[in-house]
Amino acid sequence: MEAGVRGGRSLLQYGDRKRERERQREKERAEKKVNDRTTDRTGVFPPVEFKEGGAGCIMLWAENLTVSVLRGGRWERHDLTSLTFGEGVTPRLQGSLCNQSHSRSGV
């Protein structure tokens, strides 16, 4: 009878080890997804600057830019990072202003 209990315990322990290995694999897969997303980027983007008459100011400096819009009772997320930052991107700044005491972004 004791051998049967011991054998049962071994099977339970085997099941626990198997579940732990599966959890570890899932955790590694999730970490890999995060790492893949972050390494796709080339680094920190330069700030969005507004210059008028030689003087200028930084209007926006961020790693990413996401906005949410409420449409039909549902929030829609839009990632604007690639349209705002990066090489070859020139955001439209019409309507912006910048002086020693105020700044307004028309992005």
N, C-alpha and C. Protein backbone atom coordinates (compact mmCIF):
# COMPACT_ATOMS: atom_id res chain seq x y z
N MET A 1 0.82 -1.18 0.00
CA MET A 1 0.00 0.00 0.00
C MET A 1 0.87 1.25 0.00
N GLU A 2 1.91 1.23 0.75
CA GLU A 2 2.81 2.39 0.81
C GLU A 2 3.45 2.66 -0.55
N ALA A 3 3.78 1.60 -1.29
CA ALA A 3 4.39 1.78 -2.61
C ALA A 3 3.42 2.50 -3.55
N GLY A 4 2.12 2.19 -3.44
CA GLY A 4 1.13 2.85 -4.29
C GLY A 4 1.04 4.34 -4.00
N VAL A 5 1.12 4.72 -2.71
CA VAL A 5 1.07 6.14 -2.35
C VAL A 5 2.29 6.85 -2.90
N ARG A 6 3.43 6.19 -2.72
CA ARG A 6 4.66 6.78 -3.22
C ARG A 6 4.59 6.96 -4.74
N GLY A 7 4.06 5.93 -5.42
CA GLY A 7 3.93 6.02 -6.88
C GLY A 7 2.99 7.14 -7.28
N GLY A 8 1.89 7.31 -6.53
CA GLY A 8 0.95 8.40 -6.81
C GLY A 8 1.60 9.75 -6.63
N ARG A 9 2.39 9.85 -5.59
CA ARG A 9 3.10 11.10 -5.36
C ARG A 9 4.04 11.41 -6.51
N SER A 10 4.71 10.42 -7.02
CA SER A 10 5.62 10.63 -8.14
C SER A 10 4.88 11.16 -9.36
N LEU A 11 3.70 10.59 -9.63
CA LEU A 11 2.93 11.06 -10.77
C LEU A 11 2.47 12.50 -10.56
N LEU A 12 2.06 12.83 -9.33
CA LEU A 12 1.66 14.21 -9.05
C LEU A 12 2.84 15.16 -9.20
N GLN A 13 3.99 14.74 -8.69
CA GLN A 13 5.18 15.58 -8.81
C GLN A 13 5.57 15.75 -10.27
N TYR A 14 5.43 14.66 -11.06
CA TYR A 14 5.74 14.74 -12.48
C TYR A 14 4.81 15.76 -13.15
N GLY A 15 3.51 15.70 -12.82
CA GLY A 15 2.54 16.64 -13.38
C GLY A 15 2.86 18.08 -12.99
N ASP A 16 3.27 18.29 -11.74
CA ASP A 16 3.65 19.63 -11.28
C ASP A 16 4.86 20.15 -12.05
N ARG A 17 5.85 19.28 -12.23
CA ARG A 17 7.06 19.69 -12.97
C ARG A 17 6.71 20.02 -14.42
N LYS A 18 5.83 19.20 -15.00
CA LYS A 18 5.43 19.44 -16.39
C LYS A 18 4.71 20.78 -16.52
N ARG A 19 3.78 21.06 -15.60
CA ARG A 19 3.07 22.34 -15.63
C ARG A 19 4.03 23.51 -15.43
N GLU A 20 4.98 23.34 -14.54
CA GLU A 20 5.97 24.40 -14.30
C GLU A 20 6.81 24.66 -15.56
N ARG A 21 7.21 23.60 -16.26
CA ARG A 21 7.97 23.77 -17.51
C ARG A 21 7.12 24.51 -18.55
N GLU A 22 5.83 24.14 -18.64
CA GLU A 22 4.93 24.81 -19.59
C GLU A 22 4.78 26.29 -19.25
N ARG A 23 4.64 26.60 -17.96
CA ARG A 23 4.54 28.01 -17.53
C ARG A 23 5.81 28.77 -17.89
N GLN A 24 6.96 28.13 -17.66
CA GLN A 24 8.24 28.77 -17.96
C GLN A 24 8.37 29.04 -19.47
N ARG A 25 7.97 28.06 -20.30
CA ARG A 25 8.02 28.26 -21.75
C ARG A 25 7.12 29.41 -22.19
N GLU A 26 5.91 29.46 -21.62
CA GLU A 26 4.97 30.54 -21.96
C GLU A 26 5.54 31.90 -21.56
N LYS A 27 6.16 31.95 -20.38
CA LYS A 27 6.78 33.19 -19.91
C LYS A 27 7.89 33.62 -20.86
N GLU A 28 8.72 32.67 -21.30
CA GLU A 28 9.81 32.98 -22.23
C GLU A 28 9.27 33.47 -23.57
N ARG A 29 8.17 32.85 -24.06
CA ARG A 29 7.55 33.30 -25.31
C ARG A 29 7.05 34.73 -25.19
N ALA A 30 6.40 35.04 -24.06
CA ALA A 30 5.88 36.40 -23.84
C ALA A 30 7.02 37.41 -23.79
N GLU A 31 8.12 37.06 -23.09
CA GLU A 31 9.27 37.96 -23.01
C GLU A 31 9.89 38.17 -24.38
N LYS A 32 9.95 37.11 -25.20
CA LYS A 32 10.50 37.22 -26.55
C LYS A 32 9.66 38.17 -27.40
N LYS A 33 8.32 38.09 -27.27
CA LYS A 33 7.45 39.00 -28.02
C LYS A 33 7.73 40.45 -27.66
N VAL A 34 7.86 40.72 -26.37
CA VAL A 34 8.15 42.09 -25.91
C VAL A 34 9.50 42.54 -26.44
N ASN A 35 10.52 41.67 -26.35
CA ASN A 35 11.85 42.02 -26.83
C ASN A 35 11.85 42.26 -28.33
N ASP A 36 11.12 41.45 -29.09
CA ASP A 36 11.05 41.63 -30.54
C ASP A 36 10.44 42.98 -30.89
N ARG A 37 9.40 43.38 -30.15
CA ARG A 37 8.77 44.68 -30.43
C ARG A 37 9.70 45.83 -30.11
N THR A 38 10.45 45.73 -29.01
CA THR A 38 11.29 46.86 -28.62
C THR A 38 12.57 46.93 -29.44
N THR A 39 13.08 45.81 -29.95
CA THR A 39 14.30 45.87 -30.73
C THR A 39 14.04 46.27 -32.18
N ASP A 40 12.77 46.27 -32.61
CA ASP A 40 12.45 46.72 -33.96
C ASP A 40 12.72 48.21 -34.12
N ARG A 41 12.65 48.94 -33.05
CA ARG A 41 12.88 50.39 -33.09
C ARG A 41 14.37 50.68 -33.21
N THR A 42 14.69 51.77 -33.88
CA THR A 42 16.09 52.12 -34.07
C THR A 42 16.65 52.92 -32.91
N GLY A 43 15.83 53.33 -31.98
CA GLY A 43 16.31 54.10 -30.84
C GLY A 43 15.39 55.26 -30.53
N VAL A 44 15.95 56.23 -29.85
CA VAL A 44 15.17 57.39 -29.44
C VAL A 44 14.99 58.31 -30.64
N PHE A 45 13.78 58.78 -30.83
CA PHE A 45 13.49 59.70 -31.93
C PHE A 45 13.83 61.12 -31.52
N PRO A 46 14.22 61.96 -32.48
CA PRO A 46 14.45 63.37 -32.15
C PRO A 46 13.12 64.05 -31.84
N PRO A 47 13.14 65.15 -31.12
CA PRO A 47 11.89 65.83 -30.76
C PRO A 47 11.25 66.52 -31.97
N VAL A 48 9.96 66.77 -31.86
CA VAL A 48 9.25 67.58 -32.85
C VAL A 48 9.50 69.03 -32.44
N GLU A 49 10.13 69.79 -33.35
CA GLU A 49 10.49 71.18 -33.05
C GLU A 49 9.71 72.14 -33.94
N PHE A 50 9.36 73.26 -33.39
CA PHE A 50 8.69 74.33 -34.14
C PHE A 50 9.63 75.52 -34.17
N LYS A 51 9.96 75.98 -35.38
CA LYS A 51 10.86 77.13 -35.52
C LYS A 51 10.15 78.21 -36.32
N GLU A 52 10.25 79.42 -35.80
CA GLU A 52 9.63 80.56 -36.47
C GLU A 52 10.54 81.76 -36.28
N GLY A 53 11.03 82.29 -37.37
CA GLY A 53 11.91 83.46 -37.28
C GLY A 53 13.22 83.18 -36.57
N GLY A 54 13.77 82.01 -36.75
CA GLY A 54 15.06 81.69 -36.13
C GLY A 54 14.95 81.08 -34.75
N ALA A 55 13.99 81.52 -33.95
CA ALA A 55 13.81 80.95 -32.62
C ALA A 55 12.96 79.68 -32.74
N GLY A 56 13.17 78.78 -31.83
CA GLY A 56 12.39 77.55 -31.88
C GLY A 56 12.19 76.95 -30.51
N CYS A 57 11.33 75.98 -30.45
CA CYS A 57 11.11 75.27 -29.19
C CYS A 57 10.67 73.84 -29.48
N ILE A 58 10.91 72.99 -28.51
CA ILE A 58 10.49 71.60 -28.61
C ILE A 58 9.01 71.54 -28.29
N MET A 59 8.23 71.01 -29.22
CA MET A 59 6.78 70.91 -29.02
C MET A 59 6.39 69.56 -28.43
N LEU A 60 7.13 68.51 -28.79
CA LEU A 60 6.78 67.17 -28.36
C LEU A 60 8.01 66.29 -28.43
N TRP A 61 8.24 65.53 -27.37
CA TRP A 61 9.36 64.60 -27.34
C TRP A 61 8.89 63.37 -26.60
N ALA A 62 8.80 62.25 -27.30
CA ALA A 62 8.26 61.03 -26.70
C ALA A 62 8.80 59.80 -27.41
N GLU A 63 8.67 58.65 -26.78
CA GLU A 63 9.06 57.39 -27.41
C GLU A 63 7.98 56.91 -28.37
N ASN A 64 6.73 57.23 -28.05
CA ASN A 64 5.63 56.84 -28.92
C ASN A 64 4.48 57.81 -28.72
N LEU A 65 3.53 57.77 -29.65
CA LEU A 65 2.36 58.64 -29.56
C LEU A 65 1.13 57.83 -29.98
N THR A 66 0.23 57.64 -29.04
CA THR A 66 -1.01 56.90 -29.29
C THR A 66 -2.18 57.76 -28.84
N VAL A 67 -3.19 57.85 -29.69
CA VAL A 67 -4.40 58.59 -29.31
C VAL A 67 -5.58 57.63 -29.36
N SER A 68 -6.60 57.94 -28.57
CA SER A 68 -7.84 57.16 -28.57
C SER A 68 -8.98 58.07 -28.99
N VAL A 69 -9.83 57.55 -29.88
CA VAL A 69 -10.97 58.30 -30.40
C VAL A 69 -12.23 57.50 -30.09
N LEU A 70 -13.24 58.18 -29.54
CA LEU A 70 -14.52 57.53 -29.24
C LEU A 70 -15.40 57.59 -30.49
N ARG A 71 -15.72 56.41 -31.03
CA ARG A 71 -16.57 56.33 -32.23
C ARG A 71 -17.64 55.27 -32.00
N GLY A 72 -18.86 55.66 -32.13
CA GLY A 72 -19.96 54.70 -31.99
C GLY A 72 -19.98 54.02 -30.63
N GLY A 73 -19.59 54.74 -29.59
CA GLY A 73 -19.59 54.17 -28.25
C GLY A 73 -18.40 53.29 -27.94
N ARG A 74 -17.44 53.17 -28.86
CA ARG A 74 -16.25 52.34 -28.65
C ARG A 74 -15.00 53.19 -28.83
N TRP A 75 -14.00 52.93 -28.00
CA TRP A 75 -12.73 53.63 -28.11
C TRP A 75 -11.87 52.93 -29.15
N GLU A 76 -11.33 53.70 -30.08
CA GLU A 76 -10.40 53.19 -31.09
C GLU A 76 -9.03 53.78 -30.80
N ARG A 77 -8.03 52.91 -30.72
CA ARG A 77 -6.66 53.36 -30.48
C ARG A 77 -5.94 53.50 -31.81
N HIS A 78 -5.17 54.58 -31.94
CA HIS A 78 -4.40 54.82 -33.15
C HIS A 78 -2.96 55.16 -32.76
N ASP A 79 -2.02 54.39 -33.28
CA ASP A 79 -0.60 54.64 -33.02
C ASP A 79 -0.09 55.63 -34.07
N LEU A 80 0.29 56.81 -33.64
CA LEU A 80 0.75 57.87 -34.54
C LEU A 80 2.27 58.03 -34.53
N THR A 81 2.96 57.10 -33.90
CA THR A 81 4.42 57.22 -33.76
C THR A 81 5.10 57.37 -35.11
N SER A 82 4.80 56.48 -36.05
CA SER A 82 5.50 56.52 -37.34
C SER A 82 5.11 57.74 -38.18
N LEU A 83 3.98 58.37 -37.87
CA LEU A 83 3.57 59.58 -38.59
C LEU A 83 4.11 60.85 -37.96
N THR A 84 4.64 60.74 -36.73
CA THR A 84 5.08 61.91 -35.97
C THR A 84 6.59 61.98 -35.82
N PHE A 85 7.24 60.84 -35.64
CA PHE A 85 8.67 60.79 -35.37
C PHE A 85 9.39 59.97 -36.44
N GLY A 86 10.70 60.14 -36.49
CA GLY A 86 11.52 59.28 -37.33
C GLY A 86 12.09 59.99 -38.54
N GLU A 87 12.95 59.25 -39.23
CA GLU A 87 13.62 59.78 -40.40
C GLU A 87 12.63 60.03 -41.53
N GLY A 88 12.75 61.17 -42.17
CA GLY A 88 11.91 61.48 -43.31
C GLY A 88 10.49 61.91 -42.96
N VAL A 89 10.19 62.02 -41.68
CA VAL A 89 8.85 62.42 -41.25
C VAL A 89 8.86 63.90 -40.90
N THR A 90 7.94 64.66 -41.48
CA THR A 90 7.82 66.08 -41.18
C THR A 90 6.38 66.36 -40.78
N PRO A 91 6.10 66.38 -39.47
CA PRO A 91 4.72 66.65 -39.06
C PRO A 91 4.30 68.06 -39.42
N ARG A 92 3.04 68.24 -39.76
CA ARG A 92 2.50 69.56 -40.09
C ARG A 92 2.28 70.32 -38.79
N LEU A 93 2.85 71.49 -38.69
CA LEU A 93 2.77 72.29 -37.46
C LEU A 93 2.03 73.61 -37.67
N GLN A 94 1.22 73.71 -38.74
CA GLN A 94 0.45 74.92 -38.98
C GLN A 94 -0.42 75.20 -37.76
N GLY A 95 -0.47 76.45 -37.37
CA GLY A 95 -1.26 76.85 -36.21
C GLY A 95 -0.50 76.79 -34.90
N SER A 96 0.76 76.35 -34.95
CA SER A 96 1.57 76.32 -33.73
C SER A 96 2.15 77.69 -33.46
N LEU A 97 2.47 77.94 -32.22
CA LEU A 97 3.18 79.17 -31.86
C LEU A 97 4.08 78.88 -30.67
N CYS A 98 5.08 79.74 -30.54
CA CYS A 98 6.06 79.52 -29.49
C CYS A 98 6.73 80.86 -29.19
N ASN A 99 6.72 81.27 -27.92
CA ASN A 99 7.47 82.45 -27.51
C ASN A 99 8.02 82.19 -26.11
N GLN A 100 8.52 83.20 -25.45
CA GLN A 100 9.18 82.98 -24.15
C GLN A 100 8.24 82.52 -23.05
N SER A 101 6.96 82.79 -23.18
CA SER A 101 6.04 82.43 -22.09
C SER A 101 4.97 81.40 -22.48
N HIS A 102 4.73 81.19 -23.78
CA HIS A 102 3.67 80.28 -24.20
C HIS A 102 4.12 79.42 -25.38
N SER A 103 3.51 78.26 -25.47
CA SER A 103 3.66 77.45 -26.69
C SER A 103 2.35 76.73 -26.94
N ARG A 104 2.02 76.57 -28.21
CA ARG A 104 0.81 75.86 -28.60
C ARG A 104 1.16 75.00 -29.81
N SER A 105 0.84 73.74 -29.71
CA SER A 105 1.14 72.81 -30.80
C SER A 105 -0.08 72.62 -31.67
N GLY A 106 0.12 72.75 -32.95
CA GLY A 106 -0.97 72.51 -33.90
C GLY A 106 -0.79 71.19 -34.63
N VAL A 107 -0.11 70.24 -34.00
CA VAL A 107 0.13 68.93 -34.64
C VAL A 107 -1.20 68.28 -34.93
